[in-house]
């Protein structure tokens, strides 16, 4: 199982850390993701990681499309706006709209 955290975490009144390094005991912003290890790393830890694992693929914040999406964000994105308990499962070709089965039956 992956050992990382990507949900927003309030640290203080002015600071929010969105991704936490998997390797450090004290909290540090993660700036890199290793697709092979399935872990997030801060700038300090990625240097050691890259020395030990030269063939691993790590991605910085400029390549966030390669980073995993947190489970909470994924669940939020897949929820139907009209029916909060249902997941989006269909695409209405006529309306070019994503919808759950209830919406598809009632509106599409």
N, C-alpha and C. Protein backbone atom coordinates (compact mmCIF):
# COMPACT_ATOMS: atom_id res chain seq x y z
N UNK A 1 0.84 -1.18 0.00
CA UNK A 1 0.00 0.00 0.00
C UNK A 1 0.88 1.23 0.00
N UNK A 2 0.46 2.26 -0.66
CA UNK A 2 1.23 3.49 -0.78
C UNK A 2 1.33 4.20 0.57
N UNK A 3 2.48 4.81 0.82
CA UNK A 3 2.71 5.50 2.09
C UNK A 3 2.92 6.98 1.85
N UNK A 4 1.83 7.68 1.53
CA UNK A 4 1.93 9.11 1.35
C UNK A 4 0.60 9.76 1.68
N UNK A 5 0.65 11.08 1.84
CA UNK A 5 -0.54 11.81 2.22
C UNK A 5 -0.65 13.04 1.34
N UNK A 6 -1.79 13.24 0.68
CA UNK A 6 -1.94 14.35 -0.24
C UNK A 6 -3.14 15.24 0.10
N UNK A 7 -3.84 15.01 1.15
CA UNK A 7 -4.94 15.90 1.50
C UNK A 7 -4.37 17.14 2.17
N UNK A 8 -5.03 18.29 2.00
CA UNK A 8 -4.54 19.51 2.64
C UNK A 8 -4.45 19.33 4.15
N UNK A 9 -3.43 19.90 4.74
CA UNK A 9 -3.17 19.77 6.16
C UNK A 9 -2.84 21.14 6.70
N UNK A 10 -3.66 21.68 7.58
CA UNK A 10 -3.40 23.00 8.15
C UNK A 10 -2.33 22.87 9.22
N UNK A 11 -1.23 23.61 9.07
CA UNK A 11 -0.12 23.56 10.01
C UNK A 11 -0.19 24.74 10.97
N UNK A 12 -0.47 25.90 10.47
CA UNK A 12 -0.55 27.10 11.27
C UNK A 12 -1.55 28.04 10.64
N UNK A 13 -1.66 29.26 11.19
CA UNK A 13 -2.66 30.17 10.65
C UNK A 13 -2.39 30.61 9.22
N UNK A 14 -1.15 30.65 8.81
CA UNK A 14 -0.82 31.13 7.46
C UNK A 14 -0.25 30.07 6.55
N UNK A 15 -0.01 28.87 7.05
CA UNK A 15 0.70 27.87 6.27
C UNK A 15 -0.15 26.63 6.06
N UNK A 16 -0.21 26.17 4.82
CA UNK A 16 -0.90 24.92 4.50
C UNK A 16 0.06 24.07 3.70
N UNK A 17 0.27 22.84 4.16
CA UNK A 17 1.13 21.90 3.44
C UNK A 17 0.22 20.91 2.75
N UNK A 18 0.34 20.79 1.43
CA UNK A 18 -0.58 19.93 0.70
C UNK A 18 -0.06 18.52 0.50
N UNK A 19 1.26 18.34 0.44
CA UNK A 19 1.84 17.02 0.25
C UNK A 19 2.99 16.86 1.23
N UNK A 20 2.99 15.78 1.96
CA UNK A 20 3.98 15.57 3.01
C UNK A 20 4.99 14.51 2.58
N UNK A 21 6.27 14.77 2.82
CA UNK A 21 7.35 13.84 2.49
C UNK A 21 7.14 12.52 3.23
N UNK A 22 7.31 11.42 2.56
CA UNK A 22 7.10 10.09 3.14
C UNK A 22 8.24 9.65 4.05
N UNK A 23 9.43 10.25 3.89
CA UNK A 23 10.62 9.74 4.55
C UNK A 23 11.02 10.48 5.82
N UNK A 24 10.60 11.72 5.98
CA UNK A 24 11.06 12.53 7.10
C UNK A 24 10.18 12.35 8.31
N UNK A 25 10.80 12.40 9.49
CA UNK A 25 10.02 12.30 10.72
C UNK A 25 9.29 13.60 11.01
N UNK A 26 9.96 14.75 10.78
CA UNK A 26 9.25 16.02 10.91
C UNK A 26 8.60 16.33 9.57
N UNK A 27 7.52 17.05 9.58
CA UNK A 27 6.78 17.29 8.35
C UNK A 27 7.54 18.23 7.43
N UNK A 28 7.58 17.87 6.16
CA UNK A 28 8.21 18.69 5.13
C UNK A 28 7.39 18.57 3.86
N UNK A 29 7.29 19.65 3.12
CA UNK A 29 6.56 19.61 1.85
C UNK A 29 7.22 18.64 0.90
N UNK A 30 6.43 17.84 0.26
CA UNK A 30 6.94 16.93 -0.77
C UNK A 30 6.99 17.67 -2.10
N UNK A 31 8.12 17.59 -2.77
CA UNK A 31 8.30 18.24 -4.06
C UNK A 31 8.50 17.24 -5.18
N UNK A 32 8.61 15.95 -4.84
CA UNK A 32 8.86 14.92 -5.83
C UNK A 32 8.04 13.68 -5.51
N UNK A 33 7.70 12.93 -6.55
CA UNK A 33 6.98 11.67 -6.41
C UNK A 33 7.73 10.60 -7.19
N UNK A 34 8.00 9.47 -6.55
CA UNK A 34 8.64 8.34 -7.24
C UNK A 34 7.54 7.35 -7.61
N UNK A 35 7.39 7.14 -8.90
CA UNK A 35 6.35 6.24 -9.40
C UNK A 35 6.66 4.78 -9.08
N UNK A 36 7.94 4.45 -8.94
CA UNK A 36 8.33 3.08 -8.63
C UNK A 36 8.10 2.77 -7.16
N UNK A 37 8.51 3.68 -6.28
CA UNK A 37 8.34 3.49 -4.83
C UNK A 37 6.93 3.81 -4.35
N UNK A 38 6.19 4.59 -5.15
CA UNK A 38 4.87 5.09 -4.76
C UNK A 38 4.96 5.94 -3.50
N UNK A 39 5.99 6.81 -3.44
CA UNK A 39 6.20 7.67 -2.28
C UNK A 39 6.51 9.09 -2.72
N UNK A 40 6.21 10.03 -1.81
CA UNK A 40 6.51 11.43 -2.01
C UNK A 40 7.77 11.79 -1.24
N UNK A 41 8.59 12.69 -1.80
CA UNK A 41 9.86 13.08 -1.18
C UNK A 41 10.04 14.59 -1.21
N UNK A 42 10.68 15.13 -0.18
CA UNK A 42 11.08 16.53 -0.19
C UNK A 42 12.39 16.64 -0.98
N UNK A 43 12.87 17.85 -1.19
CA UNK A 43 14.09 18.06 -1.95
C UNK A 43 15.30 17.38 -1.36
N UNK A 44 15.39 17.35 -0.03
CA UNK A 44 16.53 16.71 0.65
C UNK A 44 16.50 15.19 0.48
N UNK A 45 15.34 14.61 0.66
CA UNK A 45 15.22 13.15 0.59
C UNK A 45 15.33 12.61 -0.84
N UNK A 46 14.90 13.40 -1.83
CA UNK A 46 14.97 12.91 -3.21
C UNK A 46 16.42 12.77 -3.65
N UNK A 47 17.31 13.58 -3.10
CA UNK A 47 18.73 13.45 -3.44
C UNK A 47 19.28 12.09 -3.02
N UNK A 48 18.96 11.67 -1.81
CA UNK A 48 19.39 10.34 -1.33
C UNK A 48 18.69 9.24 -2.13
N UNK A 49 17.42 9.41 -2.36
CA UNK A 49 16.66 8.43 -3.14
C UNK A 49 17.29 8.22 -4.51
N UNK A 50 17.60 9.33 -5.19
CA UNK A 50 18.15 9.23 -6.55
C UNK A 50 19.55 8.60 -6.56
N UNK A 51 20.30 8.75 -5.48
CA UNK A 51 21.61 8.09 -5.38
C UNK A 51 21.44 6.58 -5.23
N UNK A 52 20.46 6.17 -4.44
CA UNK A 52 20.25 4.74 -4.17
C UNK A 52 19.52 4.05 -5.30
N UNK A 53 18.57 4.73 -5.91
CA UNK A 53 17.71 4.11 -6.91
C UNK A 53 17.80 4.87 -8.23
N UNK A 54 18.86 4.66 -8.95
CA UNK A 54 19.13 5.41 -10.18
C UNK A 54 18.13 5.12 -11.30
N UNK A 55 17.52 3.96 -11.31
CA UNK A 55 16.60 3.60 -12.39
C UNK A 55 15.14 3.94 -12.10
N UNK A 56 14.86 4.49 -10.91
CA UNK A 56 13.48 4.86 -10.57
C UNK A 56 13.08 6.13 -11.31
N UNK A 57 11.79 6.27 -11.55
CA UNK A 57 11.26 7.45 -12.22
C UNK A 57 10.66 8.39 -11.18
N UNK A 58 11.30 9.53 -10.96
CA UNK A 58 10.76 10.51 -10.02
C UNK A 58 10.31 11.75 -10.78
N UNK A 59 9.24 12.36 -10.28
CA UNK A 59 8.63 13.51 -10.95
C UNK A 59 8.50 14.67 -9.97
N UNK A 60 8.91 15.85 -10.41
CA UNK A 60 8.79 17.05 -9.60
C UNK A 60 7.41 17.66 -9.73
N UNK A 61 7.23 18.81 -9.09
CA UNK A 61 5.94 19.49 -9.13
C UNK A 61 5.57 19.97 -10.53
N UNK A 62 6.55 20.15 -11.40
CA UNK A 62 6.24 20.55 -12.77
C UNK A 62 5.64 19.40 -13.57
N UNK A 63 5.71 18.17 -13.06
CA UNK A 63 5.11 16.99 -13.70
C UNK A 63 4.03 16.38 -12.81
N UNK A 64 3.20 17.21 -12.20
CA UNK A 64 2.21 16.70 -11.25
C UNK A 64 1.16 15.81 -11.88
N UNK A 65 1.07 15.82 -13.21
CA UNK A 65 0.12 14.91 -13.86
C UNK A 65 0.51 13.45 -13.62
N UNK A 66 1.75 13.21 -13.24
CA UNK A 66 2.24 11.86 -12.93
C UNK A 66 2.02 11.49 -11.47
N UNK A 67 1.68 12.46 -10.63
CA UNK A 67 1.46 12.21 -9.20
C UNK A 67 0.11 11.54 -9.00
N UNK A 68 -0.05 10.77 -7.93
CA UNK A 68 -1.35 10.14 -7.66
C UNK A 68 -2.34 11.17 -7.13
N UNK A 69 -3.61 10.91 -7.30
CA UNK A 69 -4.66 11.75 -6.75
C UNK A 69 -5.11 11.11 -5.44
N UNK A 70 -5.29 11.91 -4.41
CA UNK A 70 -5.71 11.35 -3.13
C UNK A 70 -7.10 10.74 -3.26
N UNK A 71 -7.39 9.79 -2.41
CA UNK A 71 -8.66 9.09 -2.44
C UNK A 71 -9.83 10.07 -2.21
N UNK A 72 -9.64 11.04 -1.29
CA UNK A 72 -10.71 11.99 -1.01
C UNK A 72 -11.01 12.84 -2.25
N UNK A 73 -9.98 13.29 -2.96
CA UNK A 73 -10.18 14.10 -4.15
C UNK A 73 -10.84 13.27 -5.24
N UNK A 74 -10.38 12.04 -5.41
CA UNK A 74 -10.97 11.16 -6.43
C UNK A 74 -12.45 10.92 -6.16
N UNK A 75 -12.80 10.65 -4.90
CA UNK A 75 -14.20 10.42 -4.54
C UNK A 75 -15.04 11.67 -4.78
N UNK A 76 -14.49 12.84 -4.45
CA UNK A 76 -15.21 14.10 -4.67
C UNK A 76 -15.47 14.32 -6.15
N UNK A 77 -14.47 14.07 -6.99
CA UNK A 77 -14.62 14.29 -8.42
C UNK A 77 -15.59 13.33 -9.08
N UNK A 78 -15.75 12.15 -8.50
CA UNK A 78 -16.64 11.14 -9.09
C UNK A 78 -18.06 11.17 -8.55
N UNK A 79 -18.37 12.09 -7.61
CA UNK A 79 -19.72 12.18 -7.05
C UNK A 79 -20.62 12.98 -7.96
N UNK A 80 -21.84 12.52 -8.08
CA UNK A 80 -22.86 13.23 -8.83
C UNK A 80 -23.24 14.50 -8.05
N UNK A 81 -23.35 15.62 -8.75
CA UNK A 81 -23.71 16.88 -8.10
C UNK A 81 -25.17 16.87 -7.62
N UNK A 82 -26.04 16.23 -8.35
CA UNK A 82 -27.46 16.20 -8.00
C UNK A 82 -27.77 15.12 -6.96
N UNK A 83 -27.09 13.98 -7.05
CA UNK A 83 -27.34 12.85 -6.16
C UNK A 83 -26.04 12.52 -5.42
N UNK A 84 -25.85 13.13 -4.27
CA UNK A 84 -24.57 13.07 -3.54
C UNK A 84 -24.14 11.65 -3.15
N UNK A 85 -25.07 10.73 -3.07
CA UNK A 85 -24.72 9.36 -2.68
C UNK A 85 -24.34 8.49 -3.87
N UNK A 86 -24.49 9.01 -5.08
CA UNK A 86 -24.23 8.23 -6.28
C UNK A 86 -22.96 8.70 -6.98
N UNK A 87 -22.29 7.76 -7.63
CA UNK A 87 -21.08 8.08 -8.39
C UNK A 87 -21.42 8.30 -9.86
N UNK A 88 -20.62 9.13 -10.50
CA UNK A 88 -20.76 9.34 -11.93
C UNK A 88 -20.33 8.06 -12.63
N UNK A 89 -21.22 7.55 -13.48
CA UNK A 89 -20.93 6.29 -14.16
C UNK A 89 -21.16 6.34 -15.66
N UNK A 90 -21.79 7.41 -16.16
CA UNK A 90 -22.18 7.44 -17.57
C UNK A 90 -21.86 8.80 -18.20
N UNK A 91 -21.87 8.79 -19.52
CA UNK A 91 -21.73 10.01 -20.30
C UNK A 91 -22.93 10.09 -21.22
N UNK A 92 -23.65 11.21 -21.12
CA UNK A 92 -24.78 11.44 -22.02
C UNK A 92 -24.22 12.07 -23.29
N UNK A 93 -24.30 11.34 -24.39
CA UNK A 93 -23.78 11.84 -25.67
C UNK A 93 -24.58 13.03 -26.17
N UNK A 94 -25.88 13.03 -25.96
CA UNK A 94 -26.73 14.12 -26.44
C UNK A 94 -26.40 15.44 -25.75
N UNK A 95 -26.13 15.38 -24.44
CA UNK A 95 -25.87 16.60 -23.67
C UNK A 95 -24.37 16.80 -23.38
N UNK A 96 -23.53 15.86 -23.77
CA UNK A 96 -22.09 15.91 -23.45
C UNK A 96 -21.88 16.17 -21.96
N UNK A 97 -22.52 15.35 -21.14
CA UNK A 97 -22.50 15.56 -19.70
C UNK A 97 -22.29 14.24 -18.98
N UNK A 98 -21.45 14.26 -17.95
CA UNK A 98 -21.26 13.09 -17.10
C UNK A 98 -22.42 13.02 -16.12
N UNK A 99 -22.87 11.79 -15.82
CA UNK A 99 -24.01 11.67 -14.92
C UNK A 99 -24.02 10.31 -14.23
N UNK A 100 -24.82 10.25 -13.16
CA UNK A 100 -25.03 8.96 -12.47
C UNK A 100 -26.19 8.26 -13.17
N UNK A 101 -26.51 7.05 -12.74
CA UNK A 101 -27.59 6.30 -13.38
C UNK A 101 -28.96 6.94 -13.15
N UNK A 102 -29.16 7.58 -11.97
CA UNK A 102 -30.44 8.25 -11.69
C UNK A 102 -30.62 9.43 -12.65
N UNK A 103 -29.57 10.23 -12.82
CA UNK A 103 -29.65 11.38 -13.74
C UNK A 103 -29.89 10.90 -15.18
N UNK A 104 -29.21 9.83 -15.55
CA UNK A 104 -29.36 9.31 -16.91
C UNK A 104 -30.79 8.87 -17.15
N UNK A 105 -31.38 8.22 -16.17
CA UNK A 105 -32.76 7.73 -16.30
C UNK A 105 -33.76 8.90 -16.31
N UNK A 106 -33.55 9.87 -15.41
CA UNK A 106 -34.52 10.98 -15.26
C UNK A 106 -34.36 12.09 -16.28
N UNK A 107 -33.13 12.44 -16.63
CA UNK A 107 -32.90 13.66 -17.41
C UNK A 107 -32.33 13.43 -18.80
N UNK A 108 -31.79 12.28 -19.06
CA UNK A 108 -31.09 12.11 -20.32
C UNK A 108 -31.75 11.02 -21.12
